[in-house]
Amino acid sequence: AANYSVAWRSLESRYENKKLLVKSHLDALFA
């Protein structure tokens, strides 16, 4: 139970990157 927030924060730190998220969708749009 204590590690639930640890796991979720780990995912957020890896994937919650607005610059890369926007870039990925822009790249997909052009592609």
PDB file of all heavy atoms in Angstrom:
ATOM      1  N   ALA A   1       0.833  -1.206   0.000  1.00  0.00           N
ATOM      2  CA  ALA A   1       0.000   0.000   0.000  1.00  0.00           C
ATOM      3  C   ALA A   1       0.868   1.256   0.000  1.00  0.00           C
ATOM      4  O   ALA A   1       0.577   2.231  -0.695  1.00  0.00           O
ATOM      5  CB  ALA A   1      -0.923  -0.008   1.222  1.00  0.00           C
ATOM      6  N   ALA A   2       1.959   1.216   0.780  1.00  0.00           N
ATOM      7  CA  ALA A   2       2.839   2.386   0.873  1.00  0.00           C
ATOM      8  C   ALA A   2       3.530   2.691  -0.443  1.00  0.00           C
ATOM      9  O   ALA A   2       3.846   3.856  -0.746  1.00  0.00           O
ATOM     10  CB  ALA A   2       3.878   2.167   1.974  1.00  0.00           C
ATOM     11  N   ASN A   3       3.762   1.664  -1.261  1.00  0.00           N
ATOM     12  CA  ASN A   3       4.496   1.850  -2.515  1.00  0.00           C
ATOM     13  C   ASN A   3       3.610   2.243  -3.693  1.00  0.00           C
ATOM     14  O   ASN A   3       4.120   2.497  -4.786  1.00  0.00           O
ATOM     15  CB  ASN A   3       5.260   0.574  -2.875  1.00  0.00           C
ATOM     16  CG  ASN A   3       6.539   0.441  -2.087  1.00  0.00           C
ATOM     17  OD1 ASN A   3       7.004   1.408  -1.481  1.00  0.00           O
ATOM     18  ND2 ASN A   3       7.112  -0.743  -2.080  1.00  0.00           N
ATOM     19  N   TYR A   4       2.295   2.284  -3.483  1.00  0.00           N
ATOM     20  CA  TYR A   4       1.406   2.672  -4.582  1.00  0.00           C
ATOM     21  C   TYR A   4       1.771   4.059  -5.116  1.00  0.00           C
ATOM     22  O   TYR A   4       1.937   4.247  -6.324  1.00  0.00           O
ATOM     23  CB  TYR A   4      -0.058   2.649  -4.126  1.00  0.00           C
ATOM     24  CG  TYR A   4      -0.936   3.600  -4.895  1.00  0.00           C
ATOM     25  CD1 TYR A   4      -1.210   3.385  -6.240  1.00  0.00           C
ATOM     26  CD2 TYR A   4      -1.458   4.749  -4.286  1.00  0.00           C
ATOM     27  CE1 TYR A   4      -1.986   4.269  -6.967  1.00  0.00           C
ATOM     28  CE2 TYR A   4      -2.233   5.635  -4.999  1.00  0.00           C
ATOM     29  CZ  TYR A   4      -2.502   5.402  -6.331  1.00  0.00           C
ATOM     30  OH  TYR A   4      -3.261   6.285  -7.044  1.00  0.00           O
ATOM     31  N   SER A   5       1.902   5.026  -4.204  1.00  0.00           N
ATOM     32  CA  SER A   5       2.225   6.388  -4.633  1.00  0.00           C
ATOM     33  C   SER A   5       3.623   6.462  -5.235  1.00  0.00           C
ATOM     34  O   SER A   5       3.884   7.259  -6.143  1.00  0.00           O
ATOM     35  CB  SER A   5       2.106   7.368  -3.460  1.00  0.00           C
ATOM     36  OG  SER A   5       2.957   6.987  -2.396  1.00  0.00           O
ATOM     37  N   VAL A   6       4.527   5.602  -4.759  1.00  0.00           N
ATOM     38  CA  VAL A   6       5.889   5.551  -5.313  1.00  0.00           C
ATOM     39  C   VAL A   6       5.836   5.108  -6.775  1.00  0.00           C
ATOM     40  O   VAL A   6       6.482   5.701  -7.652  1.00  0.00           O
ATOM     41  CB  VAL A   6       6.775   4.590  -4.502  1.00  0.00           C
ATOM     42  CG1 VAL A   6       8.152   4.454  -5.151  1.00  0.00           C
ATOM     43  CG2 VAL A   6       6.915   5.075  -3.063  1.00  0.00           C
ATOM     44  N   ALA A   7       5.050   4.067  -7.047  1.00  0.00           N
ATOM     45  CA  ALA A   7       4.933   3.535  -8.410  1.00  0.00           C
ATOM     46  C   ALA A   7       4.289   4.563  -9.342  1.00  0.00           C
ATOM     47  O   ALA A   7       4.743   4.774 -10.472  1.00  0.00           O
ATOM     48  CB  ALA A   7       4.115   2.249  -8.393  1.00  0.00           C
ATOM     49  N   TRP A   8       3.221   5.215  -8.859  1.00  0.00           N
ATOM     50  CA  TRP A   8       2.527   6.186  -9.710  1.00  0.00           C
ATOM     51  C   TRP A   8       3.424   7.386 -10.002  1.00  0.00           C
ATOM     52  O   TRP A   8       3.470   7.877 -11.127  1.00  0.00           O
ATOM     53  CB  TRP A   8       1.231   6.613  -9.056  1.00  0.00           C
ATOM     54  CG  TRP A   8       0.373   7.473  -9.933  1.00  0.00           C
ATOM     55  CD1 TRP A   8       0.015   8.765  -9.720  1.00  0.00           C
ATOM     56  CD2 TRP A   8      -0.218   7.113 -11.191  1.00  0.00           C
ATOM     57  NE1 TRP A   8      -0.766   9.230 -10.761  1.00  0.00           N
ATOM     58  CE2 TRP A   8      -0.923   8.244 -11.679  1.00  0.00           C
ATOM     59  CE3 TRP A   8      -0.213   5.942 -11.960  1.00  0.00           C
ATOM     60  CZ2 TRP A   8      -1.612   8.235 -12.886  1.00  0.00           C
ATOM     61  CZ3 TRP A   8      -0.903   5.939 -13.161  1.00  0.00           C
ATOM     62  CH2 TRP A   8      -1.594   7.065 -13.615  1.00  0.00           C
ATOM     63  N   ARG A   9       4.158   7.853  -8.992  1.00  0.00           N
ATOM     64  CA  ARG A   9       5.083   8.971  -9.207  1.00  0.00           C
ATOM     65  C   ARG A   9       6.201   8.586 -10.161  1.00  0.00           C
ATOM     66  O   ARG A   9       6.683   9.405 -10.948  1.00  0.00           O
ATOM     67  CB  ARG A   9       5.675   9.449  -7.875  1.00  0.00           C
ATOM     68  CG  ARG A   9       4.711  10.289  -7.037  1.00  0.00           C
ATOM     69  CD  ARG A   9       5.467  11.088  -5.977  1.00  0.00           C
ATOM     70  NE  ARG A   9       6.217  10.228  -5.085  1.00  0.00           N
ATOM     71  CZ  ARG A   9       5.751   9.724  -3.953  1.00  0.00           C
ATOM     72  NH1 ARG A   9       4.505   9.997  -3.577  1.00  0.00           N
ATOM     73  NH2 ARG A   9       6.496   8.963  -3.196  1.00  0.00           N
ATOM     74  N   SER A  10       6.620   7.326 -10.112  1.00  0.00           N
ATOM     75  CA  SER A  10       7.656   6.847 -11.022  1.00  0.00           C
ATOM     76  C   SER A  10       7.177   6.919 -12.470  1.00  0.00           C
ATOM     77  O   SER A  10       7.930   7.324 -13.370  1.00  0.00           O
ATOM     78  CB  SER A  10       8.046   5.404 -10.671  1.00  0.00           C
ATOM     79  OG  SER A  10       8.985   4.891 -11.591  1.00  0.00           O
ATOM     80  N   LEU A  11       5.928   6.540 -12.696  1.00  0.00           N
ATOM     81  CA  LEU A  11       5.365   6.623 -14.045  1.00  0.00           C
ATOM     82  C   LEU A  11       5.217   8.081 -14.481  1.00  0.00           C
ATOM     83  O   LEU A  11       5.541   8.432 -15.620  1.00  0.00           O
ATOM     84  CB  LEU A  11       4.005   5.929 -14.091  1.00  0.00           C
ATOM     85  CG  LEU A  11       4.010   4.403 -13.941  1.00  0.00           C
ATOM     86  CD1 LEU A  11       2.587   3.878 -13.821  1.00  0.00           C
ATOM     87  CD2 LEU A  11       4.727   3.738 -15.110  1.00  0.00           C
ATOM     88  N   GLU A  12       4.751   8.924 -13.573  1.00  0.00           N
ATOM     89  CA  GLU A  12       4.581  10.338 -13.909  1.00  0.00           C
ATOM     90  C   GLU A  12       5.923  11.000 -14.228  1.00  0.00           C
ATOM     91  O   GLU A  12       6.019  11.798 -15.166  1.00  0.00           O
ATOM     92  CB  GLU A  12       3.901  11.070 -12.747  1.00  0.00           C
ATOM     93  CG  GLU A  12       2.419  10.747 -12.623  1.00  0.00           C
ATOM     94  CD  GLU A  12       1.754  11.555 -11.529  1.00  0.00           C
ATOM     95  OE1 GLU A  12       2.382  11.739 -10.456  1.00  0.00           O
ATOM     96  OE2 GLU A  12       0.612  12.007 -11.734  1.00  0.00           O
ATOM     97  N   SER A  13       6.955  10.663 -13.457  1.00  0.00           N
ATOM     98  CA  SER A  13       8.262  11.278 -13.703  1.00  0.00           C
ATOM     99  C   SER A  13       8.840  10.856 -15.045  1.00  0.00           C
ATOM    100  O   SER A  13       9.599  11.593 -15.675  1.00  0.00           O
ATOM    101  CB  SER A  13       9.235  10.909 -12.574  1.00  0.00           C
ATOM    102  OG  SER A  13       9.526   9.526 -12.593  1.00  0.00           O
ATOM    103  N   ARG A  14       8.443   9.645 -15.498  1.00  0.00           N
ATOM    104  CA  ARG A  14       8.959   9.138 -16.775  1.00  0.00           C
ATOM    105  C   ARG A  14       8.166   9.650 -17.966  1.00  0.00           C
ATOM    106  O   ARG A  14       8.735   9.991 -19.010  1.00  0.00           O
ATOM    107  CB  ARG A  14       8.924   7.606 -16.760  1.00  0.00           C
ATOM    108  CG  ARG A  14       9.266   6.937 -18.095  1.00  0.00           C
ATOM    109  CD  ARG A  14      10.713   7.151 -18.483  1.00  0.00           C
ATOM    110  NE  ARG A  14      11.027   6.489 -19.730  1.00  0.00           N
ATOM    111  CZ  ARG A  14      10.794   7.013 -20.934  1.00  0.00           C
ATOM    112  NH1 ARG A  14      10.243   8.211 -21.043  1.00  0.00           N
ATOM    113  NH2 ARG A  14      11.113   6.341 -22.029  1.00  0.00           N
ATOM    114  N   TYR A  15       6.850   9.742 -17.832  1.00  0.00           N
ATOM    115  CA  TYR A  15       6.006  10.028 -19.001  1.00  0.00           C
ATOM    116  C   TYR A  15       5.294  11.382 -18.958  1.00  0.00           C
ATOM    117  O   TYR A  15       4.813  11.838 -19.992  1.00  0.00           O
ATOM    118  CB  TYR A  15       4.964   8.912 -19.167  1.00  0.00           C
ATOM    119  CG  TYR A  15       5.597   7.562 -19.363  1.00  0.00           C
ATOM    120  CD1 TYR A  15       5.567   6.602 -18.345  1.00  0.00           C
ATOM    121  CD2 TYR A  15       6.253   7.248 -20.545  1.00  0.00           C
ATOM    122  CE1 TYR A  15       6.169   5.363 -18.513  1.00  0.00           C
ATOM    123  CE2 TYR A  15       6.858   6.011 -20.718  1.00  0.00           C
ATOM    124  CZ  TYR A  15       6.818   5.070 -19.697  1.00  0.00           C
ATOM    125  OH  TYR A  15       7.420   3.858 -19.868  1.00  0.00           O
ATOM    126  N   GLU A  16       5.206  12.014 -17.793  1.00  0.00           N
ATOM    127  CA  GLU A  16       4.515  13.305 -17.696  1.00  0.00           C
ATOM    128  C   GLU A  16       5.485  14.419 -18.080  1.00  0.00           C
ATOM    129  O   GLU A  16       5.916  15.225 -17.248  1.00  0.00           O
ATOM    130  CB  GLU A  16       3.977  13.510 -16.272  1.00  0.00           C
ATOM    131  CG  GLU A  16       2.982  14.654 -16.127  1.00  0.00           C
ATOM    132  CD  GLU A  16       1.652  14.381 -16.820  1.00  0.00           C
ATOM    133  OE1 GLU A  16       1.248  13.219 -16.927  1.00  0.00           O
ATOM    134  OE2 GLU A  16       1.029  15.359 -17.251  1.00  0.00           O
ATOM    135  N   ASN A  17       5.828  14.456 -19.356  1.00  0.00           N
ATOM    136  CA  ASN A  17       6.785  15.428 -19.890  1.00  0.00           C
ATOM    137  C   ASN A  17       6.090  16.161 -21.039  1.00  0.00           C
ATOM    138  O   ASN A  17       6.015  15.653 -22.159  1.00  0.00           O
ATOM    139  CB  ASN A  17       8.044  14.718 -20.384  1.00  0.00           C
ATOM    140  CG  ASN A  17       9.127  15.676 -20.846  1.00  0.00           C
ATOM    141  OD1 ASN A  17       8.843  16.706 -21.459  1.00  0.00           O
ATOM    142  ND2 ASN A  17      10.367  15.327 -20.560  1.00  0.00           N
ATOM    143  N   LYS A  18       5.575  17.359 -20.751  1.00  0.00           N
ATOM    144  CA  LYS A  18       4.742  18.056 -21.739  1.00  0.00           C
ATOM    145  C   LYS A  18       5.493  18.315 -23.040  1.00  0.00           C
ATOM    146  O   LYS A  18       4.931  18.164 -24.128  1.00  0.00           O
ATOM    147  CB  LYS A  18       4.222  19.374 -21.161  1.00  0.00           C
ATOM    148  CG  LYS A  18       3.285  20.099 -22.122  1.00  0.00           C
ATOM    149  CD  LYS A  18       2.709  21.363 -21.524  1.00  0.00           C
ATOM    150  CE  LYS A  18       1.818  22.069 -22.537  1.00  0.00           C
ATOM    151  NZ  LYS A  18       1.233  23.306 -22.005  1.00  0.00           N
ATOM    152  N   LYS A  19       6.749  18.694 -22.938  1.00  0.00           N
ATOM    153  CA  LYS A  19       7.515  18.982 -24.148  1.00  0.00           C
ATOM    154  C   LYS A  19       7.574  17.764 -25.060  1.00  0.00           C
ATOM    155  O   LYS A  19       7.329  17.864 -26.266  1.00  0.00           O
ATOM    156  CB  LYS A  19       8.934  19.435 -23.781  1.00  0.00           C
ATOM    157  CG  LYS A  19       9.804  19.752 -25.000  1.00  0.00           C
ATOM    158  CD  LYS A  19      11.141  20.339 -24.579  1.00  0.00           C
ATOM    159  CE  LYS A  19      12.034  19.276 -23.947  1.00  0.00           C
ATOM    160  NZ  LYS A  19      13.393  19.810 -23.685  1.00  0.00           N
ATOM    161  N   LEU A  20       7.864  16.604 -24.483  1.00  0.00           N
ATOM    162  CA  LEU A  20       7.962  15.389 -25.285  1.00  0.00           C
ATOM    163  C   LEU A  20       6.588  14.908 -25.742  1.00  0.00           C
ATOM    164  O   LEU A  20       6.445  14.365 -26.856  1.00  0.00           O
ATOM    165  CB  LEU A  20       8.668  14.284 -24.488  1.00  0.00           C
ATOM    166  CG  LEU A  20      10.148  14.524 -24.178  1.00  0.00           C
ATOM    167  CD1 LEU A  20      10.717  13.352 -23.392  1.00  0.00           C
ATOM    168  CD2 LEU A  20      10.944  14.725 -25.472  1.00  0.00           C
ATOM    169  N   LEU A  21       5.579  15.094 -24.902  1.00  0.00           N
ATOM    170  CA  LEU A  21       4.226  14.689 -25.281  1.00  0.00           C
ATOM    171  C   LEU A  21       3.731  15.499 -26.478  1.00  0.00           C
ATOM    172  O   LEU A  21       3.184  14.946 -27.440  1.00  0.00           O
ATOM    173  CB  LEU A  21       3.277  14.873 -24.094  1.00  0.00           C
ATOM    174  CG  LEU A  21       3.442  13.893 -22.931  1.00  0.00           C
ATOM    175  CD1 LEU A  21       2.622  14.346 -21.735  1.00  0.00           C
ATOM    176  CD2 LEU A  21       3.031  12.485 -23.347  1.00  0.00           C
ATOM    177  N   VAL A  22       3.926  16.805 -26.419  1.00  0.00           N
ATOM    178  CA  VAL A  22       3.510  17.669 -27.530  1.00  0.00           C
ATOM    179  C   VAL A  22       4.293  17.313 -28.792  1.00  0.00           C
ATOM    180  O   VAL A  22       3.727  17.206 -29.886  1.00  0.00           O
ATOM    181  CB  VAL A  22       3.713  19.155 -27.168  1.00  0.00           C
ATOM    182  CG1 VAL A  22       3.540  20.040 -28.403  1.00  0.00           C
ATOM    183  CG2 VAL A  22       2.727  19.574 -26.086  1.00  0.00           C
ATOM    184  N   LYS A  23       5.588  17.106 -28.636  1.00  0.00           N
ATOM    185  CA  LYS A  23       6.426  16.749 -29.788  1.00  0.00           C
ATOM    186  C   LYS A  23       5.961  15.453 -30.437  1.00  0.00           C
ATOM    187  O   LYS A  23       5.913  15.340 -31.674  1.00  0.00           O
ATOM    188  CB  LYS A  23       7.888  16.621 -29.364  1.00  0.00           C
ATOM    189  CG  LYS A  23       8.839  16.275 -30.512  1.00  0.00           C
ATOM    190  CD  LYS A  23      10.263  16.154 -30.015  1.00  0.00           C
ATOM    191  CE  LYS A  23      11.226  15.889 -31.170  1.00  0.00           C
ATOM    192  NZ  LYS A  23      10.907  14.657 -31.923  1.00  0.00           N
ATOM    193  N   SER A  24       5.620  14.455 -29.621  1.00  0.00           N
ATOM    194  CA  SER A  24       5.209  13.162 -30.178  1.00  0.00           C
ATOM    195  C   SER A  24       3.935  13.290 -31.008  1.00  0.00           C
ATOM    196  O   SER A  24       3.796  12.668 -32.066  1.00  0.00           O
ATOM    197  CB  SER A  24       5.015  12.137 -29.053  1.00  0.00           C
ATOM    198  OG  SER A  24       3.904  12.460 -28.243  1.00  0.00           O
ATOM    199  N   HIS A  25       2.994  14.123 -30.543  1.00  0.00           N
ATOM    200  CA  HIS A  25       1.739  14.287 -31.299  1.00  0.00           C
ATOM    201  C   HIS A  25       1.937  15.171 -32.531  1.00  0.00           C
ATOM    202  O   HIS A  25       1.294  14.950 -33.564  1.00  0.00           O
ATOM    203  CB  HIS A  25       0.652  14.849 -30.393  1.00  0.00           C
ATOM    204  CG  HIS A  25       0.111  13.844 -29.419  1.00  0.00           C
ATOM    205  ND1 HIS A  25      -0.722  12.817 -29.796  1.00  0.00           N
ATOM    206  CD2 HIS A  25       0.315  13.687 -28.083  1.00  0.00           C
ATOM    207  CE1 HIS A  25      -1.024  12.079 -28.749  1.00  0.00           C
ATOM    208  NE2 HIS A  25      -0.407  12.584 -27.700  1.00  0.00           N
ATOM    209  N   LEU A  26       2.818  16.145 -32.445  1.00  0.00           N
ATOM    210  CA  LEU A  26       3.122  16.949 -33.627  1.00  0.00           C
ATOM    211  C   LEU A  26       3.826  16.101 -34.682  1.00  0.00           C
ATOM    212  O   LEU A  26       3.507  16.176 -35.876  1.00  0.00           O
ATOM    213  CB  LEU A  26       4.006  18.145 -33.241  1.00  0.00           C
ATOM    214  CG  LEU A  26       3.317  19.291 -32.503  1.00  0.00           C
ATOM    215  CD1 LEU A  26       4.346  20.324 -32.066  1.00  0.00           C
ATOM    216  CD2 LEU A  26       2.254  19.945 -33.387  1.00  0.00           C
ATOM    217  N   ASP A  27       4.786  15.298 -34.243  1.00  0.00           N
ATOM    218  CA  ASP A  27       5.481  14.404 -35.177  1.00  0.00           C
ATOM    219  C   ASP A  27       4.489  13.465 -35.856  1.00  0.00           C
ATOM    220  O   ASP A  27       4.565  13.223 -37.069  1.00  0.00           O
ATOM    221  CB  ASP A  27       6.545  13.586 -34.436  1.00  0.00           C
ATOM    222  CG  ASP A  27       7.748  14.422 -34.026  1.00  0.00           C
ATOM    223  OD1 ASP A  27       7.912  15.524 -34.574  1.00  0.00           O
ATOM    224  OD2 ASP A  27       8.524  13.964 -33.159  1.00  0.00           O
ATOM    225  N   ALA A  28       3.562  12.925 -35.057  1.00  0.00           N
ATOM    226  CA  ALA A  28       2.571  11.995 -35.609  1.00  0.00           C
ATOM    227  C   ALA A  28       1.651  12.695 -36.595  1.00  0.00           C
ATOM    228  O   ALA A  28       1.240  12.111 -37.602  1.00  0.00           O
ATOM    229  CB  ALA A  28       1.751  11.390 -34.470  1.00  0.00           C
ATOM    230  N   LEU A  29       1.343  13.961 -36.321  1.00  0.00           N
ATOM    231  CA  LEU A  29       0.475  14.733 -37.210  1.00  0.00           C
ATOM    232  C   LEU A  29       1.125  14.916 -38.583  1.00  0.00           C
ATOM    233  O   LEU A  29       0.491  14.712 -39.625  1.00  0.00           O
ATOM    234  CB  LEU A  29       0.189  16.096 -36.574  1.00  0.00           C
ATOM    235  CG  LEU A  29      -1.003  16.904 -37.096  1.00  0.00           C
ATOM    236  CD1 LEU A  29      -2.302  16.147 -36.875  1.00  0.00           C
ATOM    237  CD2 LEU A  29      -1.057  18.255 -36.396  1.00  0.00           C
ATOM    238  N   PHE A  30       2.404  15.286 -38.582  1.00  0.00           N
ATOM    239  CA  PHE A  30       3.117  15.470 -39.841  1.00  0.00           C
ATOM    240  C   PHE A  30       3.364  14.136 -40.555  1.00  0.00           C
ATOM    241  O   PHE A  30       3.516  14.098 -41.781  1.00  0.00           O
ATOM    242  CB  PHE A  30       4.456  16.173 -39.590  1.00  0.00           C
ATOM    243  CG  PHE A  30       4.342  17.662 -39.419  1.00  0.00           C
ATOM    244  CD1 PHE A  30       4.257  18.229 -38.160  1.00  0.00           C
ATOM    245  CD2 PHE A  30       4.301  18.507 -40.523  1.00  0.00           C
ATOM    246  CE1 PHE A  30       4.145  19.606 -37.995  1.00  0.00           C
ATOM    247  CE2 PHE A  30       4.189  19.878 -40.383  1.00  0.00           C
ATOM    248  CZ  PHE A  30       4.102  20.430 -39.114  1.00  0.00           C
ATOM    249  N   ALA A  31       3.423  13.055 -39.766  1.00  0.00           N
ATOM    250  CA  ALA A  31       3.762  11.747 -40.340  1.00  0.00           C
ATOM    251  C   ALA A  31       2.552  10.964 -40.842  1.00  0.00           C
ATOM    252  O   ALA A  31       2.709   9.834 -41.315  1.00  0.00           O
ATOM    253  CB  ALA A  31       4.515  10.918 -39.303  1.00  0.00           C
TER     254      ALA A  31
END
